[in-house]
PDB file of all heavy atoms in Angstrom:
ATOM      1  N   PRO A   1      38.534  19.579  21.205  1.00  0.00           N
ATOM      2  CA  PRO A   1      39.033  19.060  22.471  1.00  0.00           C
ATOM      3  C   PRO A   1      39.032  17.581  22.581  1.00  0.00           C
ATOM      4  O   PRO A   1      39.916  17.004  23.314  1.00  0.00           O
ATOM      5  CB  PRO A   1      38.092  19.662  23.467  1.00  0.00           C
ATOM      6  CG  PRO A   1      37.624  20.943  22.874  1.00  0.00           C
ATOM      7  CD  PRO A   1      37.504  20.615  21.404  1.00  0.00           C
ATOM      8  N   ILE A   2      38.223  16.878  21.849  1.00  0.00           N
ATOM      9  CA  ILE A   2      38.190  15.392  21.907  1.00  0.00           C
ATOM     10  C   ILE A   2      39.538  14.841  21.438  1.00  0.00           C
ATOM     11  O   ILE A   2      40.134  14.023  22.093  1.00  0.00           O
ATOM     12  CB  ILE A   2      37.041  14.851  21.037  1.00  0.00           C
ATOM     13  CG1 ILE A   2      35.655  15.285  21.446  1.00  0.00           C
ATOM     14  CG2 ILE A   2      37.133  13.328  20.911  1.00  0.00           C
ATOM     15  CD1 ILE A   2      34.494  14.964  20.493  1.00  0.00           C
ATOM     16  N   VAL A   3      40.004  15.306  20.273  1.00  0.00           N
ATOM     17  CA  VAL A   3      41.216  14.760  19.745  1.00  0.00           C
ATOM     18  C   VAL A   3      42.425  15.293  20.457  1.00  0.00           C
ATOM     19  O   VAL A   3      43.517  14.657  20.479  1.00  0.00           O
ATOM     20  CB  VAL A   3      41.300  14.924  18.222  1.00  0.00           C
ATOM     21  CG1 VAL A   3      40.193  14.092  17.544  1.00  0.00           C
ATOM     22  CG2 VAL A   3      41.163  16.385  17.809  1.00  0.00           C
ATOM     23  N   GLU A   4      42.385  16.550  20.948  1.00  0.00           N
ATOM     24  CA  GLU A   4      43.476  17.061  21.741  1.00  0.00           C
ATOM     25  C   GLU A   4      43.698  16.196  22.982  1.00  0.00           C
ATOM     26  O   GLU A   4      44.777  15.888  23.371  1.00  0.00           O
ATOM     27  CB  GLU A   4      43.228  18.528  22.132  1.00  0.00           C
ATOM     28  CG  GLU A   4      43.278  19.456  20.981  1.00  0.00           C
ATOM     29  CD  GLU A   4      42.950  20.902  21.357  1.00  0.00           C
ATOM     30  OE1 GLU A   4      42.343  21.106  22.451  1.00  0.00           O
ATOM     31  OE2 GLU A   4      43.290  21.831  20.607  1.00  0.00           O
ATOM     32  N   ALA A   5      42.614  15.849  23.635  1.00  0.00           N
ATOM     33  CA  ALA A   5      42.645  14.987  24.825  1.00  0.00           C
ATOM     34  C   ALA A   5      43.225  13.602  24.473  1.00  0.00           C
ATOM     35  O   ALA A   5      44.046  13.054  25.183  1.00  0.00           O
ATOM     36  CB  ALA A   5      41.272  14.824  25.478  1.00  0.00           C
ATOM     37  N   PHE A   6      42.726  13.020  23.382  1.00  0.00           N
ATOM     38  CA  PHE A   6      43.305  11.737  22.911  1.00  0.00           C
ATOM     39  C   PHE A   6      44.818  11.795  22.797  1.00  0.00           C
ATOM     40  O   PHE A   6      45.531  10.905  23.271  1.00  0.00           O
ATOM     41  CB  PHE A   6      42.711  11.406  21.523  1.00  0.00           C
ATOM     42  CG  PHE A   6      41.296  10.923  21.484  1.00  0.00           C
ATOM     43  CD1 PHE A   6      40.633  10.837  20.248  1.00  0.00           C
ATOM     44  CD2 PHE A   6      40.629  10.537  22.626  1.00  0.00           C
ATOM     45  CE1 PHE A   6      39.301  10.429  20.188  1.00  0.00           C
ATOM     46  CE2 PHE A   6      39.351  10.069  22.558  1.00  0.00           C
ATOM     47  CZ  PHE A   6      38.671  10.058  21.362  1.00  0.00           C
ATOM     48  N   ALA A   7      45.335  12.844  22.216  1.00  0.00           N
ATOM     49  CA  ALA A   7      46.785  12.991  21.906  1.00  0.00           C
ATOM     50  C   ALA A   7      47.590  13.111  23.194  1.00  0.00           C
ATOM     51  O   ALA A   7      48.790  12.787  23.251  1.00  0.00           O
ATOM     52  CB  ALA A   7      47.035  14.176  21.004  1.00  0.00           C
ATOM     53  N   CYS A   8      46.928  13.597  24.269  1.00  0.00           N
ATOM     54  CA  CYS A   8      47.588  13.787  25.538  1.00  0.00           C
ATOM     55  C   CYS A   8      47.378  12.596  26.502  1.00  0.00           C
ATOM     56  O   CYS A   8      47.879  12.618  27.613  1.00  0.00           O
ATOM     57  CB  CYS A   8      47.059  15.019  26.220  1.00  0.00           C
ATOM     58  SG  CYS A   8      47.440  16.565  25.365  1.00  0.00           S
ATOM     59  N   GLY A   9      46.681  11.548  26.045  1.00  0.00           N
ATOM     60  CA  GLY A   9      46.488  10.378  26.947  1.00  0.00           C
ATOM     61  C   GLY A   9      45.433  10.570  27.956  1.00  0.00           C
ATOM     62  O   GLY A   9      45.529  10.066  29.075  1.00  0.00           O
ATOM     63  N   CYS A  10      44.444  11.444  27.612  1.00  0.00           N
ATOM     64  CA  CYS A  10      43.366  11.720  28.587  1.00  0.00           C
ATOM     65  C   CYS A  10      42.057  11.017  28.083  1.00  0.00           C
ATOM     66  O   CYS A  10      41.658  11.274  26.905  1.00  0.00           O
ATOM     67  CB  CYS A  10      43.165  13.258  28.626  1.00  0.00           C
ATOM     68  SG  CYS A  10      41.753  13.730  29.624  1.00  0.00           S
ATOM     69  N   PRO A  11      41.429  10.151  28.864  1.00  0.00           N
ATOM     70  CA  PRO A  11      40.185   9.570  28.445  1.00  0.00           C
ATOM     71  C   PRO A  11      39.085  10.511  28.327  1.00  0.00           C
ATOM     72  O   PRO A  11      39.069  11.541  29.013  1.00  0.00           O
ATOM     73  CB  PRO A  11      39.925   8.480  29.583  1.00  0.00           C
ATOM     74  CG  PRO A  11      40.706   9.011  30.737  1.00  0.00           C
ATOM     75  CD  PRO A  11      41.910   9.790  30.257  1.00  0.00           C
ATOM     76  N   VAL A  12      38.169  10.189  27.387  1.00  0.00           N
ATOM     77  CA  VAL A  12      37.168  11.210  26.976  1.00  0.00           C
ATOM     78  C   VAL A  12      35.701  10.630  27.127  1.00  0.00           C
ATOM     79  O   VAL A  12      35.433   9.491  26.762  1.00  0.00           O
ATOM     80  CB  VAL A  12      37.389  11.596  25.528  1.00  0.00           C
ATOM     81  CG1 VAL A  12      36.290  12.509  25.000  1.00  0.00           C
ATOM     82  CG2 VAL A  12      38.712  12.270  25.356  1.00  0.00           C
ATOM     83  N   ILE A  13      34.839  11.554  27.633  1.00  0.00           N
ATOM     84  CA  ILE A  13      33.416  11.355  27.587  1.00  0.00           C
ATOM     85  C   ILE A  13      32.847  12.370  26.614  1.00  0.00           C
ATOM     86  O   ILE A  13      33.183  13.551  26.706  1.00  0.00           O
ATOM     87  CB  ILE A  13      32.750  11.608  28.966  1.00  0.00           C
ATOM     88  CG1 ILE A  13      33.225  10.628  30.011  1.00  0.00           C
ATOM     89  CG2 ILE A  13      31.211  11.556  28.831  1.00  0.00           C
ATOM     90  CD1 ILE A  13      32.870  11.019  31.431  1.00  0.00           C
ATOM     91  N   THR A  14      32.059  11.952  25.661  1.00  0.00           N
ATOM     92  CA  THR A  14      31.508  12.948  24.681  1.00  0.00           C
ATOM     93  C   THR A  14      30.120  12.487  24.262  1.00  0.00           C
ATOM     94  O   THR A  14      29.655  11.397  24.646  1.00  0.00           O
ATOM     95  CB  THR A  14      32.456  13.186  23.474  1.00  0.00           C
ATOM     96  OG1 THR A  14      32.000  14.341  22.755  1.00  0.00           O
ATOM     97  CG2 THR A  14      32.500  11.960  22.563  1.00  0.00           C
ATOM     98  N   SER A  15      29.488  13.241  23.420  1.00  0.00           N
ATOM     99  CA  SER A  15      28.069  13.002  23.047  1.00  0.00           C
ATOM    100  C   SER A  15      27.927  12.028  21.919  1.00  0.00           C
ATOM    101  O   SER A  15      28.822  11.838  21.017  1.00  0.00           O
ATOM    102  CB  SER A  15      27.442  14.360  22.655  1.00  0.00           C
ATOM    103  OG  SER A  15      27.479  15.262  23.712  1.00  0.00           O
ATOM    104  N   ASN A  16      26.743  11.425  21.830  1.00  0.00           N
ATOM    105  CA  ASN A  16      26.439  10.474  20.798  1.00  0.00           C
ATOM    106  C   ASN A  16      25.672  11.145  19.621  1.00  0.00           C
ATOM    107  O   ASN A  16      24.930  10.445  18.916  1.00  0.00           O
ATOM    108  CB  ASN A  16      25.605   9.283  21.351  1.00  0.00           C
ATOM    109  CG  ASN A  16      24.305   9.748  21.963  1.00  0.00           C
ATOM    110  OD1 ASN A  16      23.906  10.879  21.906  1.00  0.00           O
ATOM    111  ND2 ASN A  16      23.628   8.798  22.644  1.00  0.00           N
ATOM    112  N   ILE A  17      25.819  12.456  19.468  1.00  0.00           N
ATOM    113  CA  ILE A  17      25.084  13.193  18.431  1.00  0.00           C
ATOM    114  C   ILE A  17      26.004  14.049  17.643  1.00  0.00           C
ATOM    115  O   ILE A  17      27.183  14.264  17.968  1.00  0.00           O
ATOM    116  CB  ILE A  17      23.956  14.058  18.999  1.00  0.00           C
ATOM    117  CG1 ILE A  17      24.531  15.051  20.052  1.00  0.00           C
ATOM    118  CG2 ILE A  17      22.874  13.203  19.665  1.00  0.00           C
ATOM    119  CD1 ILE A  17      23.472  16.057  20.564  1.00  0.00           C
ATOM    120  N   THR A  18      25.543  14.622  16.509  1.00  0.00           N
ATOM    121  CA  THR A  18      26.204  15.442  15.545  1.00  0.00           C
ATOM    122  C   THR A  18      27.591  14.863  15.154  1.00  0.00           C
ATOM    123  O   THR A  18      27.656  13.650  14.841  1.00  0.00           O
ATOM    124  CB  THR A  18      26.324  16.927  16.043  1.00  0.00           C
ATOM    125  OG1 THR A  18      27.195  17.038  17.187  1.00  0.00           O
ATOM    126  CG2 THR A  18      24.976  17.484  16.377  1.00  0.00           C
ATOM    127  N   SER A  19      28.673  15.576  15.150  1.00  0.00           N
ATOM    128  CA  SER A  19      29.940  15.102  14.648  1.00  0.00           C
ATOM    129  C   SER A  19      30.732  14.255  15.636  1.00  0.00           C
ATOM    130  O   SER A  19      31.688  13.591  15.234  1.00  0.00           O
ATOM    131  CB  SER A  19      30.771  16.198  14.246  1.00  0.00           C
ATOM    132  OG  SER A  19      31.130  17.037  15.377  1.00  0.00           O
ATOM    133  N   MET A  20      30.371  14.246  16.900  1.00  0.00           N
ATOM    134  CA  MET A  20      31.218  13.695  17.924  1.00  0.00           C
ATOM    135  C   MET A  20      31.483  12.222  17.845  1.00  0.00           C
ATOM    136  O   MET A  20      32.590  11.712  17.982  1.00  0.00           O
ATOM    137  CB  MET A  20      30.710  14.147  19.294  1.00  0.00           C
ATOM    138  CG  MET A  20      30.945  15.621  19.537  1.00  0.00           C
ATOM    139  SD  MET A  20      30.020  16.404  20.888  1.00  0.00           S
ATOM    140  CE  MET A  20      28.419  16.646  20.106  1.00  0.00           C
ATOM    141  N   PRO A  21      30.430  11.390  17.508  1.00  0.00           N
ATOM    142  CA  PRO A  21      30.747   9.947  17.312  1.00  0.00           C
ATOM    143  C   PRO A  21      31.704   9.726  16.125  1.00  0.00           C
ATOM    144  O   PRO A  21      32.529   8.837  16.149  1.00  0.00           O
ATOM    145  CB  PRO A  21      29.325   9.348  17.018  1.00  0.00           C
ATOM    146  CG  PRO A  21      28.407  10.271  17.625  1.00  0.00           C
ATOM    147  CD  PRO A  21      28.995  11.633  17.482  1.00  0.00           C
ATOM    148  N   GLU A  22      31.548  10.533  15.118  1.00  0.00           N
ATOM    149  CA  GLU A  22      32.435  10.400  13.895  1.00  0.00           C
ATOM    150  C   GLU A  22      33.878  10.725  14.292  1.00  0.00           C
ATOM    151  O   GLU A  22      34.768  10.006  13.856  1.00  0.00           O
ATOM    152  CB  GLU A  22      31.914  11.401  12.846  1.00  0.00           C
ATOM    153  CG  GLU A  22      32.817  11.503  11.615  1.00  0.00           C
ATOM    154  CD  GLU A  22      32.353  12.612  10.686  1.00  0.00           C
ATOM    155  OE1 GLU A  22      31.254  13.132  10.827  1.00  0.00           O
ATOM    156  OE2 GLU A  22      33.184  12.991   9.832  1.00  0.00           O
ATOM    157  N   VAL A  23      34.083  11.745  15.092  1.00  0.00           N
ATOM    158  CA  VAL A  23      35.467  12.156  15.439  1.00  0.00           C
ATOM    159  C   VAL A  23      36.021  11.189  16.512  1.00  0.00           C
ATOM    160  O   VAL A  23      37.177  10.778  16.407  1.00  0.00           O
ATOM    161  CB  VAL A  23      35.444  13.547  16.013  1.00  0.00           C
ATOM    162  CG1 VAL A  23      36.744  13.954  16.627  1.00  0.00           C
ATOM    163  CG2 VAL A  23      35.052  14.552  14.932  1.00  0.00           C
ATOM    164  N   ALA A  24      35.226  10.744  17.456  1.00  0.00           N
ATOM    165  CA  ALA A  24      35.729   9.919  18.549  1.00  0.00           C
ATOM    166  C   ALA A  24      35.939   8.449  18.163  1.00  0.00           C
ATOM    167  O   ALA A  24      36.775   7.824  18.722  1.00  0.00           O
ATOM    168  CB  ALA A  24      34.743  10.001  19.733  1.00  0.00           C
ATOM    169  N   GLY A  25      35.169   7.982  17.190  1.00  0.00           N
ATOM    170  CA  GLY A  25      35.315   6.580  16.847  1.00  0.00           C
ATOM    171  C   GLY A  25      34.903   5.709  18.044  1.00  0.00           C
ATOM    172  O   GLY A  25      33.941   6.052  18.800  1.00  0.00           O
ATOM    173  N   ASP A  26      35.627   4.649  18.309  1.00  0.00           N
ATOM    174  CA  ASP A  26      35.411   3.791  19.490  1.00  0.00           C
ATOM    175  C   ASP A  26      36.349   4.119  20.651  1.00  0.00           C
ATOM    176  O   ASP A  26      36.513   3.311  21.581  1.00  0.00           O
ATOM    177  CB  ASP A  26      35.525   2.357  19.113  1.00  0.00           C
ATOM    178  CG  ASP A  26      36.918   1.937  18.728  1.00  0.00           C
ATOM    179  OD1 ASP A  26      37.825   2.819  18.584  1.00  0.00           O
ATOM    180  OD2 ASP A  26      37.210   0.715  18.577  1.00  0.00           O
ATOM    181  N   ALA A  27      36.966   5.327  20.612  1.00  0.00           N
ATOM    182  CA  ALA A  27      37.981   5.680  21.603  1.00  0.00           C
ATOM    183  C   ALA A  27      37.443   6.475  22.771  1.00  0.00           C
ATOM    184  O   ALA A  27      38.264   6.946  23.608  1.00  0.00           O
ATOM    185  CB  ALA A  27      39.114   6.403  20.909  1.00  0.00           C
ATOM    186  N   ALA A  28      36.140   6.756  22.836  1.00  0.00           N
ATOM    187  CA  ALA A  28      35.557   7.533  23.893  1.00  0.00           C
ATOM    188  C   ALA A  28      34.269   6.886  24.403  1.00  0.00           C
ATOM    189  O   ALA A  28      33.720   6.033  23.775  1.00  0.00           O
ATOM    190  CB  ALA A  28      35.279   8.965  23.379  1.00  0.00           C
ATOM    191  N   LEU A  29      33.863   7.311  25.583  1.00  0.00           N
ATOM    192  CA  LEU A  29      32.558   6.904  26.104  1.00  0.00           C
ATOM    193  C   LEU A  29      31.520   7.905  25.512  1.00  0.00           C
ATOM    194  O   LEU A  29      31.631   9.100  25.763  1.00  0.00           O
ATOM    195  CB  LEU A  29      32.501   6.936  27.631  1.00  0.00           C
ATOM    196  CG  LEU A  29      33.358   5.941  28.396  1.00  0.00           C
ATOM    197  CD1 LEU A  29      33.125   6.106  29.875  1.00  0.00           C
ATOM    198  CD2 LEU A  29      33.044   4.480  27.939  1.00  0.00           C
ATOM    199  N   LEU A  30      30.519   7.394  24.823  1.00  0.00           N
ATOM    200  CA  LEU A  30      29.494   8.233  24.181  1.00  0.00           C
ATOM    201  C   LEU A  30      28.298   8.219  25.072  1.00  0.00           C
ATOM    202  O   LEU A  30      27.805   7.144  25.521  1.00  0.00           O
ATOM    203  CB  LEU A  30      29.125   7.706  22.803  1.00  0.00           C
ATOM    204  CG  LEU A  30      30.253   7.651  21.764  1.00  0.00           C
ATOM    205  CD1 LEU A  30      29.713   7.162  20.442  1.00  0.00           C
ATOM    206  CD2 LEU A  30      30.951   9.027  21.616  1.00  0.00           C
ATOM    207  N   VAL A  31      27.728   9.417  25.315  1.00  0.00           N
ATOM    208  CA  VAL A  31      26.632   9.559  26.229  1.00  0.00           C
ATOM    209  C   VAL A  31      25.447  10.338  25.599  1.00  0.00           C
ATOM    210  O   VAL A  31      25.712  11.101  24.623  1.00  0.00           O
ATOM    211  CB  VAL A  31      27.022  10.228  27.534  1.00  0.00           C
ATOM    212  CG1 VAL A  31      28.050   9.420  28.307  1.00  0.00           C
ATOM    213  CG2 VAL A  31      27.477  11.682  27.297  1.00  0.00           C
ATOM    214  N   ASP A  32      24.247  10.220  26.088  1.00  0.00           N
ATOM    215  CA  ASP A  32      23.166  11.081  25.709  1.00  0.00           C
ATOM    216  C   ASP A  32      23.377  12.421  26.393  1.00  0.00           C
ATOM    217  O   ASP A  32      23.315  12.495  27.634  1.00  0.00           O
ATOM    218  CB  ASP A  32      21.846  10.470  26.142  1.00  0.00           C
ATOM    219  CG  ASP A  32      20.640  11.394  25.906  1.00  0.00           C
ATOM    220  OD1 ASP A  32      20.807  12.500  25.408  1.00  0.00           O
ATOM    221  OD2 ASP A  32      19.532  10.985  26.273  1.00  0.00           O
TER     222      ASP A  32
END
């Protein structure tokens, strides 16, 4: 869902653990 949202122009909040920082790069807000 992170990259699907990116492709649709939807801003993303996701987690700072497991694979999510790797997938999001600097294009999302990372949270605990």
